[in-house]
Amino acid sequence: PMDETLVRVVLDISGRPYLVWKVRFTQD
């Protein structure tokens, strides 16, 4: 958490690289 924001991060040091990114930015 950071103030009004909450982000969940889950990972596995699997040796099988994969990124699922579900994050939105509203400024450049």
PDB file of all heavy atoms in Angstrom:
ATOM      1  N   PRO A   1       0.824  -1.207   0.000  1.00  0.00           N
ATOM      2  CA  PRO A   1       0.000   0.000   0.000  1.00  0.00           C
ATOM      3  C   PRO A   1       0.859   1.257   0.000  1.00  0.00           C
ATOM      4  O   PRO A   1       1.949   1.285   0.559  1.00  0.00           O
ATOM      5  CB  PRO A   1      -0.759  -0.121   1.326  1.00  0.00           C
ATOM      6  CG  PRO A   1       0.203  -0.827   2.233  1.00  0.00           C
ATOM      7  CD  PRO A   1       1.009  -1.746   1.355  1.00  0.00           C
ATOM      8  N   MET A   2       0.379   2.283  -0.647  1.00  0.00           N
ATOM      9  CA  MET A   2       0.964   3.616  -0.515  1.00  0.00           C
ATOM     10  C   MET A   2      -0.171   4.621  -0.628  1.00  0.00           C
ATOM     11  O   MET A   2      -0.698   4.873  -1.715  1.00  0.00           O
ATOM     12  CB  MET A   2       2.037   3.874  -1.559  1.00  0.00           C
ATOM     13  CG  MET A   2       2.784   5.165  -1.287  1.00  0.00           C
ATOM     14  SD  MET A   2       4.337   5.270  -2.196  1.00  0.00           S
ATOM     15  CE  MET A   2       4.983   6.766  -1.453  1.00  0.00           C
ATOM     16  N   ASP A   3      -0.565   5.134   0.512  1.00  0.00           N
ATOM     17  CA  ASP A   3      -1.701   6.052   0.585  1.00  0.00           C
ATOM     18  C   ASP A   3      -2.924   5.429  -0.092  1.00  0.00           C
ATOM     19  O   ASP A   3      -3.381   4.378   0.335  1.00  0.00           O
ATOM     20  CB  ASP A   3      -1.337   7.424   0.013  1.00  0.00           C
ATOM     21  CG  ASP A   3      -0.231   8.111   0.816  1.00  0.00           C
ATOM     22  OD1 ASP A   3       0.097   7.633   1.912  1.00  0.00           O
ATOM     23  OD2 ASP A   3       0.294   9.123   0.341  1.00  0.00           O
ATOM     24  N   GLU A   4      -3.415   6.023  -1.179  1.00  0.00           N
ATOM     25  CA  GLU A   4      -4.652   5.548  -1.808  1.00  0.00           C
ATOM     26  C   GLU A   4      -4.439   4.347  -2.722  1.00  0.00           C
ATOM     27  O   GLU A   4      -5.398   3.794  -3.267  1.00  0.00           O
ATOM     28  CB  GLU A   4      -5.303   6.697  -2.605  1.00  0.00           C
ATOM     29  CG  GLU A   4      -4.827   6.884  -4.030  1.00  0.00           C
ATOM     30  CD  GLU A   4      -3.356   7.235  -4.218  1.00  0.00           C
ATOM     31  OE1 GLU A   4      -2.689   7.663  -3.246  1.00  0.00           O
ATOM     32  OE2 GLU A   4      -2.844   7.058  -5.338  1.00  0.00           O
ATOM     33  N   THR A   5      -3.201   3.928  -2.870  1.00  0.00           N
ATOM     34  CA  THR A   5      -2.828   2.908  -3.853  1.00  0.00           C
ATOM     35  C   THR A   5      -2.549   1.572  -3.183  1.00  0.00           C
ATOM     36  O   THR A   5      -1.985   1.514  -2.098  1.00  0.00           O
ATOM     37  CB  THR A   5      -1.571   3.375  -4.625  1.00  0.00           C
ATOM     38  OG1 THR A   5      -1.900   4.519  -5.401  1.00  0.00           O
ATOM     39  CG2 THR A   5      -1.028   2.285  -5.531  1.00  0.00           C
ATOM     40  N   LEU A   6      -2.940   0.491  -3.874  1.00  0.00           N
ATOM     41  CA  LEU A   6      -2.586  -0.852  -3.430  1.00  0.00           C
ATOM     42  C   LEU A   6      -2.160  -1.665  -4.642  1.00  0.00           C
ATOM     43  O   LEU A   6      -2.896  -1.756  -5.636  1.00  0.00           O
ATOM     44  CB  LEU A   6      -3.758  -1.536  -2.725  1.00  0.00           C
ATOM     45  CG  LEU A   6      -3.464  -2.920  -2.131  1.00  0.00           C
ATOM     46  CD1 LEU A   6      -2.401  -2.836  -1.040  1.00  0.00           C
ATOM     47  CD2 LEU A   6      -4.750  -3.544  -1.584  1.00  0.00           C
ATOM     48  N   VAL A   7      -0.964  -2.245  -4.571  1.00  0.00           N
ATOM     49  CA  VAL A   7      -0.417  -3.077  -5.644  1.00  0.00           C
ATOM     50  C   VAL A   7      -0.080  -4.444  -5.076  1.00  0.00           C
ATOM     51  O   VAL A   7       0.465  -4.555  -3.978  1.00  0.00           O
ATOM     52  CB  VAL A   7       0.843  -2.431  -6.261  1.00  0.00           C
ATOM     53  CG1 VAL A   7       1.510  -3.386  -7.252  1.00  0.00           C
ATOM     54  CG2 VAL A   7       0.491  -1.115  -6.938  1.00  0.00           C
ATOM     55  N   ARG A   8      -0.418  -5.489  -5.831  1.00  0.00           N
ATOM     56  CA  ARG A   8      -0.091  -6.867  -5.443  1.00  0.00           C
ATOM     57  C   ARG A   8       1.016  -7.379  -6.365  1.00  0.00           C
ATOM     58  O   ARG A   8       0.929  -7.251  -7.588  1.00  0.00           O
ATOM     59  CB  ARG A   8      -1.317  -7.756  -5.562  1.00  0.00           C
ATOM     60  CG  ARG A   8      -1.033  -9.237  -5.312  1.00  0.00           C
ATOM     61  CD  ARG A   8      -2.304 -10.060  -5.230  1.00  0.00           C
ATOM     62  NE  ARG A   8      -3.164  -9.848  -6.368  1.00  0.00           N
ATOM     63  CZ  ARG A   8      -4.509  -9.905  -6.309  1.00  0.00           C
ATOM     64  NH1 ARG A   8      -5.124 -10.147  -5.172  1.00  0.00           N
ATOM     65  NH2 ARG A   8      -5.224  -9.715  -7.392  1.00  0.00           N
ATOM     66  N   VAL A   9       2.048  -7.970  -5.764  1.00  0.00           N
ATOM     67  CA  VAL A   9       3.144  -8.568  -6.525  1.00  0.00           C
ATOM     68  C   VAL A   9       3.306 -10.010  -6.066  1.00  0.00           C
ATOM     69  O   VAL A   9       3.403 -10.283  -4.866  1.00  0.00           O
ATOM     70  CB  VAL A   9       4.463  -7.800  -6.314  1.00  0.00           C
ATOM     71  CG1 VAL A   9       5.591  -8.469  -7.113  1.00  0.00           C
ATOM     72  CG2 VAL A   9       4.317  -6.336  -6.705  1.00  0.00           C
ATOM     73  N   VAL A  10       3.306 -10.921  -7.013  1.00  0.00           N
ATOM     74  CA  VAL A  10       3.479 -12.352  -6.738  1.00  0.00           C
ATOM     75  C   VAL A  10       4.544 -12.870  -7.697  1.00  0.00           C
ATOM     76  O   VAL A  10       4.501 -12.564  -8.894  1.00  0.00           O
ATOM     77  CB  VAL A  10       2.158 -13.127  -6.933  1.00  0.00           C
ATOM     78  CG1 VAL A  10       2.341 -14.589  -6.549  1.00  0.00           C
ATOM     79  CG2 VAL A  10       1.024 -12.494  -6.145  1.00  0.00           C
ATOM     80  N   LEU A  11       5.498 -13.650  -7.164  1.00  0.00           N
ATOM     81  CA  LEU A  11       6.544 -14.135  -8.050  1.00  0.00           C
ATOM     82  C   LEU A  11       7.004 -15.535  -7.660  1.00  0.00           C
ATOM     83  O   LEU A  11       6.809 -15.989  -6.534  1.00  0.00           O
ATOM     84  CB  LEU A  11       7.734 -13.164  -8.078  1.00  0.00           C
ATOM     85  CG  LEU A  11       8.548 -12.932  -6.807  1.00  0.00           C
ATOM     86  CD1 LEU A  11       9.619 -13.999  -6.609  1.00  0.00           C
ATOM     87  CD2 LEU A  11       9.199 -11.567  -6.852  1.00  0.00           C
ATOM     88  N   ASP A  12       7.616 -16.168  -8.635  1.00  0.00           N
ATOM     89  CA  ASP A  12       8.194 -17.503  -8.495  1.00  0.00           C
ATOM     90  C   ASP A  12       9.562 -17.472  -9.172  1.00  0.00           C
ATOM     91  O   ASP A  12       9.664 -17.123 -10.349  1.00  0.00           O
ATOM     92  CB  ASP A  12       7.265 -18.520  -9.179  1.00  0.00           C
ATOM     93  CG  ASP A  12       7.814 -19.942  -9.216  1.00  0.00           C
ATOM     94  OD1 ASP A  12       8.819 -20.234  -8.528  1.00  0.00           O
ATOM     95  OD2 ASP A  12       7.227 -20.767  -9.946  1.00  0.00           O
ATOM     96  N   ILE A  13      10.599 -17.799  -8.424  1.00  0.00           N
ATOM     97  CA  ILE A  13      11.937 -17.902  -9.028  1.00  0.00           C
ATOM     98  C   ILE A  13      12.008 -19.273  -9.694  1.00  0.00           C
ATOM     99  O   ILE A  13      12.624 -20.214  -9.210  1.00  0.00           O
ATOM    100  CB  ILE A  13      13.049 -17.713  -7.972  1.00  0.00           C
ATOM    101  CG1 ILE A  13      12.870 -16.374  -7.249  1.00  0.00           C
ATOM    102  CG2 ILE A  13      14.427 -17.763  -8.639  1.00  0.00           C
ATOM    103  CD1 ILE A  13      13.860 -16.129  -6.131  1.00  0.00           C
ATOM    104  N   SER A  14      11.320 -19.359 -10.808  1.00  0.00           N
ATOM    105  CA  SER A  14      11.052 -20.645 -11.461  1.00  0.00           C
ATOM    106  C   SER A  14      12.085 -21.007 -12.508  1.00  0.00           C
ATOM    107  O   SER A  14      12.176 -22.164 -12.922  1.00  0.00           O
ATOM    108  CB  SER A  14       9.689 -20.578 -12.151  1.00  0.00           C
ATOM    109  OG  SER A  14       9.706 -19.553 -13.149  1.00  0.00           O
ATOM    110  N   GLY A  15      12.842 -20.007 -12.979  1.00  0.00           N
ATOM    111  CA  GLY A  15      13.695 -20.250 -14.133  1.00  0.00           C
ATOM    112  C   GLY A  15      12.935 -20.158 -15.444  1.00  0.00           C
ATOM    113  O   GLY A  15      13.508 -20.306 -16.520  1.00  0.00           O
ATOM    114  N   ARG A  16      11.621 -19.890 -15.362  1.00  0.00           N
ATOM    115  CA  ARG A  16      10.778 -19.726 -16.553  1.00  0.00           C
ATOM    116  C   ARG A  16      10.278 -18.281 -16.565  1.00  0.00           C
ATOM    117  O   ARG A  16       9.262 -17.964 -15.943  1.00  0.00           O
ATOM    118  CB  ARG A  16       9.610 -20.711 -16.530  1.00  0.00           C
ATOM    119  CG  ARG A  16      10.046 -22.165 -16.577  1.00  0.00           C
ATOM    120  CD  ARG A  16       8.865 -23.122 -16.664  1.00  0.00           C
ATOM    121  NE  ARG A  16       7.888 -22.883 -15.622  1.00  0.00           N
ATOM    122  CZ  ARG A  16       7.977 -23.349 -14.369  1.00  0.00           C
ATOM    123  NH1 ARG A  16       9.025 -24.060 -13.999  1.00  0.00           N
ATOM    124  NH2 ARG A  16       7.030 -23.092 -13.483  1.00  0.00           N
ATOM    125  N   PRO A  17      10.973 -17.396 -17.263  1.00  0.00           N
ATOM    126  CA  PRO A  17      10.637 -15.975 -17.196  1.00  0.00           C
ATOM    127  C   PRO A  17       9.297 -15.646 -17.850  1.00  0.00           C
ATOM    128  O   PRO A  17       8.996 -16.105 -18.959  1.00  0.00           O
ATOM    129  CB  PRO A  17      11.792 -15.302 -17.942  1.00  0.00           C
ATOM    130  CG  PRO A  17      12.406 -16.359 -18.784  1.00  0.00           C
ATOM    131  CD  PRO A  17      12.166 -17.657 -18.086  1.00  0.00           C
ATOM    132  N   TYR A  18       8.520 -14.865 -17.120  1.00  0.00           N
ATOM    133  CA  TYR A  18       7.222 -14.414 -17.643  1.00  0.00           C
ATOM    134  C   TYR A  18       6.782 -13.221 -16.813  1.00  0.00           C
ATOM    135  O   TYR A  18       6.907 -13.240 -15.585  1.00  0.00           O
ATOM    136  CB  TYR A  18       6.181 -15.536 -17.540  1.00  0.00           C
ATOM    137  CG  TYR A  18       5.009 -15.351 -18.474  1.00  0.00           C
ATOM    138  CD1 TYR A  18       5.018 -15.916 -19.736  1.00  0.00           C
ATOM    139  CD2 TYR A  18       3.903 -14.582 -18.099  1.00  0.00           C
ATOM    140  CE1 TYR A  18       3.956 -15.744 -20.610  1.00  0.00           C
ATOM    141  CE2 TYR A  18       2.837 -14.407 -18.955  1.00  0.00           C
ATOM    142  CZ  TYR A  18       2.864 -14.982 -20.213  1.00  0.00           C
ATOM    143  OH  TYR A  18       1.812 -14.798 -21.072  1.00  0.00           O
ATOM    144  N   LEU A  19       6.289 -12.193 -17.473  1.00  0.00           N
ATOM    145  CA  LEU A  19       5.765 -11.031 -16.771  1.00  0.00           C
ATOM    146  C   LEU A  19       4.308 -10.827 -17.131  1.00  0.00           C
ATOM    147  O   LEU A  19       3.954 -10.765 -18.316  1.00  0.00           O
ATOM    148  CB  LEU A  19       6.547  -9.759 -17.139  1.00  0.00           C
ATOM    149  CG  LEU A  19       5.974  -8.454 -16.556  1.00  0.00           C
ATOM    150  CD1 LEU A  19       6.096  -8.412 -15.038  1.00  0.00           C
ATOM    151  CD2 LEU A  19       6.659  -7.236 -17.180  1.00  0.00           C
ATOM    152  N   VAL A  20       3.466 -10.718 -16.112  1.00  0.00           N
ATOM    153  CA  VAL A  20       2.096 -10.244 -16.279  1.00  0.00           C
ATOM    154  C   VAL A  20       2.043  -8.875 -15.608  1.00  0.00           C
ATOM    155  O   VAL A  20       2.314  -8.755 -14.403  1.00  0.00           O
ATOM    156  CB  VAL A  20       1.067 -11.205 -15.644  1.00  0.00           C
ATOM    157  CG1 VAL A  20      -0.332 -10.614 -15.732  1.00  0.00           C
ATOM    158  CG2 VAL A  20       1.122 -12.564 -16.327  1.00  0.00           C
ATOM    159  N   TRP A  21       1.739  -7.847 -16.375  1.00  0.00           N
ATOM    160  CA  TRP A  21       1.783  -6.461 -15.911  1.00  0.00           C
ATOM    161  C   TRP A  21       0.393  -5.849 -16.053  1.00  0.00           C
ATOM    162  O   TRP A  21      -0.086  -5.638 -17.170  1.00  0.00           O
ATOM    163  CB  TRP A  21       2.804  -5.698 -16.739  1.00  0.00           C
ATOM    164  CG  TRP A  21       2.976  -4.244 -16.385  1.00  0.00           C
ATOM    165  CD1 TRP A  21       2.434  -3.179 -17.049  1.00  0.00           C
ATOM    166  CD2 TRP A  21       3.733  -3.701 -15.302  1.00  0.00           C
ATOM    167  NE1 TRP A  21       2.818  -2.008 -16.439  1.00  0.00           N
ATOM    168  CE2 TRP A  21       3.619  -2.299 -15.368  1.00  0.00           C
ATOM    169  CE3 TRP A  21       4.509  -4.275 -14.283  1.00  0.00           C
ATOM    170  CZ2 TRP A  21       4.244  -1.455 -14.455  1.00  0.00           C
ATOM    171  CZ3 TRP A  21       5.131  -3.429 -13.383  1.00  0.00           C
ATOM    172  CH2 TRP A  21       4.997  -2.044 -13.467  1.00  0.00           C
ATOM    173  N   LYS A  22      -0.260  -5.602 -14.945  1.00  0.00           N
ATOM    174  CA  LYS A  22      -1.588  -4.999 -14.963  1.00  0.00           C
ATOM    175  C   LYS A  22      -1.558  -3.724 -14.124  1.00  0.00           C
ATOM    176  O   LYS A  22      -2.113  -3.656 -13.026  1.00  0.00           O
ATOM    177  CB  LYS A  22      -2.621  -5.992 -14.443  1.00  0.00           C
ATOM    178  CG  LYS A  22      -2.716  -7.243 -15.320  1.00  0.00           C
ATOM    179  CD  LYS A  22      -4.021  -7.957 -15.185  1.00  0.00           C
ATOM    180  CE  LYS A  22      -4.079  -9.138 -16.135  1.00  0.00           C
ATOM    181  NZ  LYS A  22      -4.523  -8.771 -17.453  1.00  0.00           N
ATOM    182  N   VAL A  23      -0.840  -2.753 -14.659  1.00  0.00           N
ATOM    183  CA  VAL A  23      -0.629  -1.464 -13.999  1.00  0.00           C
ATOM    184  C   VAL A  23      -0.916  -0.376 -15.030  1.00  0.00           C
ATOM    185  O   VAL A  23      -0.514  -0.498 -16.193  1.00  0.00           O
ATOM    186  CB  VAL A  23       0.816  -1.336 -13.478  1.00  0.00           C
ATOM    187  CG1 VAL A  23       1.067   0.048 -12.881  1.00  0.00           C
ATOM    188  CG2 VAL A  23       1.118  -2.418 -12.446  1.00  0.00           C
ATOM    189  N   ARG A  24      -1.600   0.682 -14.600  1.00  0.00           N
ATOM    190  CA  ARG A  24      -1.958   1.774 -15.497  1.00  0.00           C
ATOM    191  C   ARG A  24      -1.337   3.083 -14.999  1.00  0.00           C
ATOM    192  O   ARG A  24      -1.478   3.419 -13.822  1.00  0.00           O
ATOM    193  CB  ARG A  24      -3.475   1.965 -15.545  1.00  0.00           C
ATOM    194  CG  ARG A  24      -4.247   0.758 -16.029  1.00  0.00           C
ATOM    195  CD  ARG A  24      -5.743   0.935 -15.860  1.00  0.00           C
ATOM    196  NE  ARG A  24      -6.126   1.370 -14.520  1.00  0.00           N
ATOM    197  CZ  ARG A  24      -6.185   0.581 -13.455  1.00  0.00           C
ATOM    198  NH1 ARG A  24      -5.857  -0.695 -13.560  1.00  0.00           N
ATOM    199  NH2 ARG A  24      -6.558   1.061 -12.285  1.00  0.00           N
ATOM    200  N   PHE A  25      -0.680   3.778 -15.901  1.00  0.00           N
ATOM    201  CA  PHE A  25      -0.211   5.131 -15.615  1.00  0.00           C
ATOM    202  C   PHE A  25      -1.007   6.115 -16.455  1.00  0.00           C
ATOM    203  O   PHE A  25      -1.324   5.836 -17.618  1.00  0.00           O
ATOM    204  CB  PHE A  25       1.284   5.262 -15.913  1.00  0.00           C
ATOM    205  CG  PHE A  25       2.156   4.456 -14.995  1.00  0.00           C
ATOM    206  CD1 PHE A  25       2.813   3.320 -15.447  1.00  0.00           C
ATOM    207  CD2 PHE A  25       2.298   4.819 -13.665  1.00  0.00           C
ATOM    208  CE1 PHE A  25       3.608   2.571 -14.600  1.00  0.00           C
ATOM    209  CE2 PHE A  25       3.089   4.066 -12.798  1.00  0.00           C
ATOM    210  CZ  PHE A  25       3.739   2.940 -13.271  1.00  0.00           C
ATOM    211  N   THR A  26      -1.320   7.259 -15.873  1.00  0.00           N
ATOM    212  CA  THR A  26      -2.130   8.252 -16.563  1.00  0.00           C
ATOM    213  C   THR A  26      -1.331   9.498 -16.929  1.00  0.00           C
ATOM    214  O   THR A  26      -1.910  10.494 -17.360  1.00  0.00           O
ATOM    215  CB  THR A  26      -3.340   8.652 -15.698  1.00  0.00           C
ATOM    216  OG1 THR A  26      -2.870   9.164 -14.440  1.00  0.00           O
ATOM    217  CG2 THR A  26      -4.255   7.460 -15.449  1.00  0.00           C
ATOM    218  N   GLN A  27      -0.007   9.441 -16.753  1.00  0.00           N
ATOM    219  CA  GLN A  27       0.854  10.521 -17.222  1.00  0.00           C
ATOM    220  C   GLN A  27       2.067   9.909 -17.895  1.00  0.00           C
ATOM    221  O   GLN A  27       2.429   8.757 -17.637  1.00  0.00           O
ATOM    222  CB  GLN A  27       1.245  11.458 -16.075  1.00  0.00           C
ATOM    223  CG  GLN A  27       2.048  10.823 -14.966  1.00  0.00           C
ATOM    224  CD  GLN A  27       2.156  11.725 -13.737  1.00  0.00           C
ATOM    225  OE1 GLN A  27       1.153  12.081 -13.131  1.00  0.00           O
ATOM    226  NE2 GLN A  27       3.382  12.079 -13.379  1.00  0.00           N
ATOM    227  N   ASP A  28       2.680  10.692 -18.762  1.00  0.00           N
ATOM    228  CA  ASP A  28       3.763  10.178 -19.602  1.00  0.00           C
ATOM    229  C   ASP A  28       5.084  10.051 -18.871  1.00  0.00           C
ATOM    230  O   ASP A  28       5.926   9.236 -19.250  1.00  0.00           O
ATOM    231  CB  ASP A  28       3.961  11.079 -20.817  1.00  0.00           C
ATOM    232  CG  ASP A  28       2.782  11.038 -21.771  1.00  0.00           C
ATOM    233  OD1 ASP A  28       2.061  10.021 -21.775  1.00  0.00           O
ATOM    234  OD2 ASP A  28       2.580  12.027 -22.494  1.00  0.00           O
TER     235      ASP A  28
END
